Structures are given as structure tokens and as C-alpha cells.
N, C-alpha and C. Protein backbone atom coordinates (compact mmCIF):
# COMPACT_ATOMS: atom_id res chain seq x y z
N ILE A 1 -10.10 -141.68 -45.40
CA ILE A 1 -11.56 -141.60 -45.40
C ILE A 1 -12.05 -141.61 -47.01
N PRO A 2 -12.73 -142.35 -47.24
CA PRO A 2 -13.23 -142.34 -48.69
C PRO A 2 -14.21 -141.18 -48.86
N PRO A 3 -14.36 -140.55 -50.12
CA PRO A 3 -15.21 -139.44 -50.44
C PRO A 3 -16.83 -139.94 -50.37
N SER A 4 -17.54 -138.99 -50.36
CA SER A 4 -19.31 -139.25 -50.10
C SER A 4 -19.66 -138.69 -51.49
N THR A 5 -20.77 -139.41 -51.89
CA THR A 5 -21.28 -139.31 -53.20
C THR A 5 -22.91 -139.51 -53.26
N GLU A 6 -23.61 -138.40 -53.84
CA GLU A 6 -25.13 -138.65 -54.10
C GLU A 6 -25.41 -138.48 -55.62
N LEU A 7 -26.47 -139.19 -55.78
CA LEU A 7 -26.98 -139.47 -57.33
C LEU A 7 -28.41 -139.14 -57.39
N SER A 8 -28.75 -138.39 -58.38
CA SER A 8 -30.18 -138.05 -58.73
C SER A 8 -30.43 -138.32 -60.04
N VAL A 9 -31.71 -138.48 -60.52
CA VAL A 9 -32.22 -138.72 -61.88
C VAL A 9 -33.51 -137.76 -62.08
N SER A 10 -33.32 -137.10 -63.06
CA SER A 10 -34.42 -136.36 -63.41
C SER A 10 -35.52 -137.12 -64.15
N GLN A 11 -36.74 -136.41 -64.33
CA GLN A 11 -37.73 -137.01 -65.10
C GLN A 11 -37.38 -137.17 -66.61
N ILE A 12 -37.98 -138.31 -66.95
CA ILE A 12 -37.58 -138.51 -68.51
C ILE A 12 -38.20 -137.63 -69.30
N SER A 13 -37.49 -136.94 -70.15
CA SER A 13 -38.01 -136.00 -71.33
C SER A 13 -38.91 -136.64 -72.25
N ALA A 14 -39.61 -135.89 -72.93
CA ALA A 14 -40.46 -136.15 -74.18
C ALA A 14 -39.70 -137.00 -75.26
N ASP A 15 -38.36 -136.94 -75.48
CA ASP A 15 -37.70 -137.56 -76.38
C ASP A 15 -36.86 -138.64 -75.74
N ASN A 16 -37.38 -139.35 -74.60
CA ASN A 16 -36.82 -140.65 -73.73
C ASN A 16 -35.30 -140.27 -73.25
N VAL A 17 -34.93 -138.92 -72.92
CA VAL A 17 -33.71 -138.78 -72.31
C VAL A 17 -33.83 -138.46 -70.80
N ALA A 18 -32.97 -139.15 -70.03
CA ALA A 18 -32.86 -138.92 -68.43
C ALA A 18 -31.70 -138.45 -68.22
N THR A 19 -31.70 -137.26 -67.34
CA THR A 19 -30.36 -136.57 -66.87
C THR A 19 -30.10 -137.06 -65.55
N ILE A 20 -28.87 -137.55 -65.44
CA ILE A 20 -28.45 -138.29 -64.20
C ILE A 20 -27.38 -137.07 -63.74
N SER A 21 -27.50 -136.90 -62.52
CA SER A 21 -26.68 -135.79 -61.75
C SER A 21 -26.07 -136.46 -60.59
N TRP A 22 -24.79 -135.95 -60.38
CA TRP A 22 -24.04 -136.49 -59.12
C TRP A 22 -23.32 -135.27 -58.32
N THR A 23 -22.88 -135.62 -57.12
CA THR A 23 -22.20 -134.60 -56.31
C THR A 23 -21.31 -135.39 -55.54
N SER A 24 -20.20 -135.13 -55.41
CA SER A 24 -19.27 -136.14 -54.65
C SER A 24 -18.38 -135.01 -53.81
N THR A 25 -18.09 -135.34 -52.53
CA THR A 25 -17.14 -134.43 -51.86
C THR A 25 -16.07 -135.30 -51.18
N ASP A 26 -15.06 -134.59 -50.76
CA ASP A 26 -14.01 -134.98 -50.07
C ASP A 26 -13.24 -134.24 -49.22
N ASN A 27 -13.31 -134.00 -48.12
CA ASN A 27 -12.83 -132.84 -47.35
C ASN A 27 -11.23 -132.90 -47.02
N LEU A 28 -10.79 -134.08 -47.20
CA LEU A 28 -9.26 -134.30 -46.85
C LEU A 28 -8.52 -133.97 -48.25
N SER A 29 -8.72 -134.88 -49.34
CA SER A 29 -7.71 -134.70 -50.40
C SER A 29 -8.39 -134.30 -51.65
N GLY A 30 -9.72 -134.24 -51.57
CA GLY A 30 -10.47 -133.69 -52.87
C GLY A 30 -10.78 -134.87 -53.56
N VAL A 31 -11.77 -134.70 -54.61
CA VAL A 31 -12.42 -135.70 -55.41
C VAL A 31 -11.56 -135.64 -56.80
N SER A 32 -10.93 -136.85 -57.16
CA SER A 32 -10.18 -136.82 -58.41
C SER A 32 -11.16 -137.18 -59.48
N GLN A 33 -12.28 -138.26 -59.46
CA GLN A 33 -13.10 -138.32 -60.53
C GLN A 33 -14.24 -138.99 -59.95
N VAL A 34 -15.17 -139.00 -60.58
CA VAL A 34 -16.60 -139.91 -60.33
C VAL A 34 -16.70 -140.89 -61.59
N GLU A 35 -17.21 -142.11 -61.02
CA GLU A 35 -17.36 -143.18 -62.21
C GLU A 35 -18.93 -143.30 -62.06
N LEU A 36 -19.70 -143.36 -63.33
CA LEU A 36 -21.09 -143.60 -63.51
C LEU A 36 -21.32 -144.80 -64.12
N GLN A 37 -21.95 -145.90 -63.56
CA GLN A 37 -22.15 -147.02 -64.21
C GLN A 37 -23.60 -147.33 -64.56
N TYR A 38 -24.17 -148.37 -65.20
CA TYR A 38 -25.45 -148.46 -65.58
C TYR A 38 -25.57 -150.06 -65.83
N ARG A 39 -26.99 -150.56 -65.74
CA ARG A 39 -27.10 -151.85 -66.10
C ARG A 39 -28.60 -151.74 -66.88
N ILE A 40 -28.97 -152.77 -67.74
CA ILE A 40 -30.26 -152.73 -68.27
C ILE A 40 -31.05 -153.91 -67.42
N GLY A 41 -32.27 -153.80 -66.94
CA GLY A 41 -33.00 -154.71 -66.28
C GLY A 41 -32.31 -155.06 -64.86
N HIS A 42 -33.15 -155.84 -64.17
CA HIS A 42 -32.63 -156.19 -62.94
C HIS A 42 -31.44 -157.15 -62.93
N ASP A 43 -31.33 -158.07 -63.93
CA ASP A 43 -30.23 -158.96 -63.87
C ASP A 43 -29.18 -158.63 -64.84
N GLY A 44 -29.07 -157.48 -65.39
CA GLY A 44 -27.96 -156.93 -66.26
C GLY A 44 -26.64 -156.77 -65.50
N THR A 45 -25.65 -156.72 -66.39
CA THR A 45 -24.39 -156.60 -65.84
C THR A 45 -23.87 -154.99 -65.67
N TRP A 46 -23.42 -154.62 -64.88
CA TRP A 46 -23.05 -153.25 -64.55
C TRP A 46 -22.08 -152.89 -65.64
N GLN A 47 -22.05 -151.76 -66.40
CA GLN A 47 -21.09 -151.40 -67.39
C GLN A 47 -20.88 -149.86 -67.13
N PRO A 48 -19.59 -149.64 -67.44
CA PRO A 48 -19.22 -148.17 -67.37
C PRO A 48 -20.03 -147.18 -68.24
N LEU A 49 -20.44 -146.06 -67.83
CA LEU A 49 -21.11 -145.22 -68.37
C LEU A 49 -20.28 -144.11 -69.14
N THR A 50 -19.75 -143.26 -67.83
CA THR A 50 -18.78 -142.35 -68.08
C THR A 50 -18.10 -141.94 -66.85
N THR A 51 -16.94 -141.11 -66.81
CA THR A 51 -16.17 -140.67 -65.83
C THR A 51 -16.37 -139.15 -65.80
N GLY A 52 -16.25 -138.46 -64.54
CA GLY A 52 -16.36 -136.96 -64.76
C GLY A 52 -15.93 -136.32 -63.49
N PRO A 53 -16.24 -135.23 -63.38
CA PRO A 53 -15.67 -134.40 -61.96
C PRO A 53 -16.38 -134.50 -61.06
N ALA A 54 -16.16 -133.96 -59.89
CA ALA A 54 -17.10 -134.20 -58.67
C ALA A 54 -18.52 -133.76 -58.71
N VAL A 55 -18.67 -132.82 -59.37
CA VAL A 55 -20.08 -132.54 -59.59
C VAL A 55 -20.43 -132.52 -61.18
N GLY A 56 -21.42 -133.14 -61.48
CA GLY A 56 -21.73 -133.43 -62.98
C GLY A 56 -22.85 -133.83 -63.24
N SER A 57 -23.15 -134.28 -64.84
CA SER A 57 -24.27 -134.55 -65.07
C SER A 57 -24.11 -135.27 -66.50
N PHE A 58 -25.00 -136.45 -66.66
CA PHE A 58 -24.82 -136.88 -67.95
C PHE A 58 -26.28 -137.05 -68.50
N GLN A 59 -26.45 -137.12 -69.89
CA GLN A 59 -27.86 -137.44 -70.44
C GLN A 59 -28.00 -138.84 -71.16
N LEU A 60 -28.79 -139.69 -70.56
CA LEU A 60 -28.76 -140.95 -71.07
C LEU A 60 -29.95 -141.26 -71.89
N SER A 61 -29.74 -141.62 -73.10
CA SER A 61 -30.78 -141.99 -74.18
C SER A 61 -31.43 -143.28 -73.73
N LEU A 62 -32.80 -143.43 -73.51
CA LEU A 62 -33.31 -144.57 -73.18
C LEU A 62 -34.13 -145.28 -74.45
N SER A 63 -34.12 -146.68 -74.48
CA SER A 63 -34.80 -147.28 -75.49
C SER A 63 -35.69 -148.21 -75.18
N GLY A 64 -36.63 -148.00 -74.18
CA GLY A 64 -37.82 -148.86 -73.88
C GLY A 64 -37.61 -149.98 -72.79
N ASN A 65 -36.42 -149.69 -71.95
CA ASN A 65 -36.05 -150.67 -71.15
C ASN A 65 -35.96 -150.04 -69.88
N SER A 66 -36.03 -150.99 -68.85
CA SER A 66 -35.62 -150.36 -67.37
C SER A 66 -34.10 -150.27 -67.30
N TYR A 67 -33.59 -149.19 -66.71
CA TYR A 67 -32.11 -148.92 -66.33
C TYR A 67 -32.09 -148.50 -64.99
N PHE A 68 -30.73 -149.15 -64.43
CA PHE A 68 -30.28 -148.86 -63.27
C PHE A 68 -28.94 -148.10 -63.29
N VAL A 69 -28.62 -146.96 -62.39
CA VAL A 69 -27.63 -146.38 -62.46
C VAL A 69 -27.03 -146.19 -61.00
N ARG A 70 -25.54 -146.20 -60.98
CA ARG A 70 -25.21 -145.95 -59.57
C ARG A 70 -23.84 -145.36 -60.04
N VAL A 71 -23.34 -144.48 -58.90
CA VAL A 71 -21.95 -143.72 -58.99
C VAL A 71 -21.11 -143.99 -57.87
N ARG A 72 -19.64 -144.01 -58.08
CA ARG A 72 -18.86 -143.78 -57.06
C ARG A 72 -17.74 -142.78 -57.32
N ALA A 73 -17.15 -142.43 -56.30
CA ALA A 73 -15.90 -141.59 -56.30
C ALA A 73 -14.52 -142.00 -55.92
N LEU A 74 -13.40 -141.46 -56.62
CA LEU A 74 -12.28 -141.82 -56.29
C LEU A 74 -11.70 -140.45 -55.79
N ASP A 75 -10.88 -140.36 -54.61
CA ASP A 75 -10.27 -139.24 -54.07
C ASP A 75 -8.98 -139.09 -54.48
N ASN A 76 -8.21 -137.90 -54.22
CA ASN A 76 -6.83 -137.80 -54.66
C ASN A 76 -5.97 -138.64 -53.94
N ALA A 77 -6.25 -139.45 -53.00
CA ALA A 77 -5.33 -140.20 -52.17
C ALA A 77 -5.59 -141.70 -52.58
N GLY A 78 -6.38 -141.88 -53.66
CA GLY A 78 -6.51 -143.11 -53.94
C GLY A 78 -7.79 -143.94 -53.43
N ASN A 79 -8.64 -143.45 -52.68
CA ASN A 79 -9.65 -144.09 -51.91
C ASN A 79 -10.85 -143.96 -52.69
N TYR A 80 -11.64 -145.21 -52.96
CA TYR A 80 -12.88 -145.07 -53.63
C TYR A 80 -14.13 -145.19 -52.39
N SER A 81 -15.03 -144.47 -52.97
CA SER A 81 -16.24 -144.56 -51.98
C SER A 81 -16.97 -145.79 -52.44
N ALA A 82 -18.02 -146.31 -51.49
CA ALA A 82 -18.92 -147.29 -52.01
C ALA A 82 -19.79 -146.67 -52.94
N PHE A 83 -20.06 -147.70 -53.74
CA PHE A 83 -21.13 -147.23 -54.98
C PHE A 83 -22.44 -146.69 -54.10
N SER A 84 -23.09 -145.54 -54.83
CA SER A 84 -24.38 -145.02 -54.41
C SER A 84 -25.58 -146.18 -54.37
N TYR A 85 -26.71 -145.79 -53.83
CA TYR A 85 -27.76 -146.60 -53.87
C TYR A 85 -28.17 -146.59 -55.50
N GLU A 86 -28.61 -147.67 -55.93
CA GLU A 86 -28.90 -147.82 -57.26
C GLU A 86 -30.34 -146.87 -57.43
N ARG A 87 -30.39 -146.11 -58.77
CA ARG A 87 -31.64 -145.36 -58.97
C ARG A 87 -32.21 -145.96 -60.37
N ALA A 88 -33.50 -146.32 -60.40
CA ALA A 88 -34.03 -146.94 -61.29
C ALA A 88 -34.52 -145.80 -62.31
N ILE A 89 -34.68 -146.18 -63.74
CA ILE A 89 -35.22 -145.23 -64.53
C ILE A 89 -35.91 -146.20 -65.56
N VAL A 90 -37.34 -145.86 -65.76
CA VAL A 90 -38.22 -146.68 -66.25
C VAL A 90 -38.86 -145.82 -67.55
N THR A 91 -38.82 -146.35 -68.61
CA THR A 91 -39.26 -145.51 -69.74
C THR A 91 -40.99 -145.54 -69.72
N PRO A 92 -41.40 -144.56 -70.10
CA PRO A 92 -43.00 -144.55 -69.69
C PRO A 92 -43.52 -145.37 -70.99
N ASN A 93 -44.64 -146.01 -70.71
CA ASN A 93 -45.33 -146.59 -71.69
C ASN A 93 -46.13 -145.67 -72.51
N LEU A 94 -45.95 -145.39 -73.74
CA LEU A 94 -46.71 -144.40 -74.53
C LEU A 94 -47.92 -145.03 -75.12
N PHE A 95 -47.78 -146.47 -75.35
CA PHE A 95 -48.93 -147.11 -76.10
C PHE A 95 -49.54 -147.98 -75.33
N LEU A 96 -50.78 -147.61 -74.86
CA LEU A 96 -51.72 -148.26 -73.83
C LEU A 96 -52.50 -149.11 -74.83
N PRO A 97 -52.89 -150.33 -74.03
CA PRO A 97 -53.73 -151.21 -74.73
C PRO A 97 -55.05 -150.49 -75.23
N LEU A 98 -55.68 -151.05 -76.38
CA LEU A 98 -56.94 -150.70 -76.63
C LEU A 98 -57.93 -151.78 -76.30
N ILE A 99 -58.96 -151.51 -75.47
CA ILE A 99 -60.21 -152.30 -75.02
C ILE A 99 -61.37 -152.11 -75.92
N LEU A 100 -61.65 -153.12 -76.77
CA LEU A 100 -62.90 -152.98 -77.42
C LEU A 100 -63.94 -153.84 -76.90
N ASN A 101 -65.23 -153.37 -76.94
CA ASN A 101 -66.32 -153.99 -76.36
C ASN A 101 -67.17 -154.81 -77.52
């Protein structure tokens, strides 16, 4: 039986950093590691971001794009979980258009 994994993303800070947190459990063999991936935009290619323990977090610096993140876990018996649902991270637009009359 593969482990189960949950993923959450905090609000973006004033300096364009999002905190990505995860929790993974496996009641049989325990969790070996968690793999966090990201892509830029809807059509981007998934890239590895970091690996970590069963419970952890990662701070991702954003640069004006839309990002998507997902996570999966590997248990000590060699079973991978399915990837979590993707979470979208969109940087706020701080420069609004000026309308002249």
C-alpha cells in the first residue's frame, strides 16, 4: 500500500515567496522521502524542486509567473504514492494599469 500525501501553499509574502508544506503518512513501513515538483505555466514541464522528510516545507521564490506544484511520497517498502493534486501559485500583479480621461 503506497503512502498518502497532502500538499498546501501559503499566501505569497510581500517579497514574492510562497511557502509550500506537505505531510505524508504510511502506517505500514513508514515514509522514506517526499519528492516536490514544480512547473511554470500550464504547459511547462514538471521539474524536481526538492526532496525531504515526511513532514516539511519549502520556500519558493517567485518571479512573475504562474507556478504549479505537486508532491509524492516514497515509503520504506519502495512504493510511490500518486502525485497530489496540483496547487497553483500566481504572483500578484502589483502594477495596475492607469486609466487616463
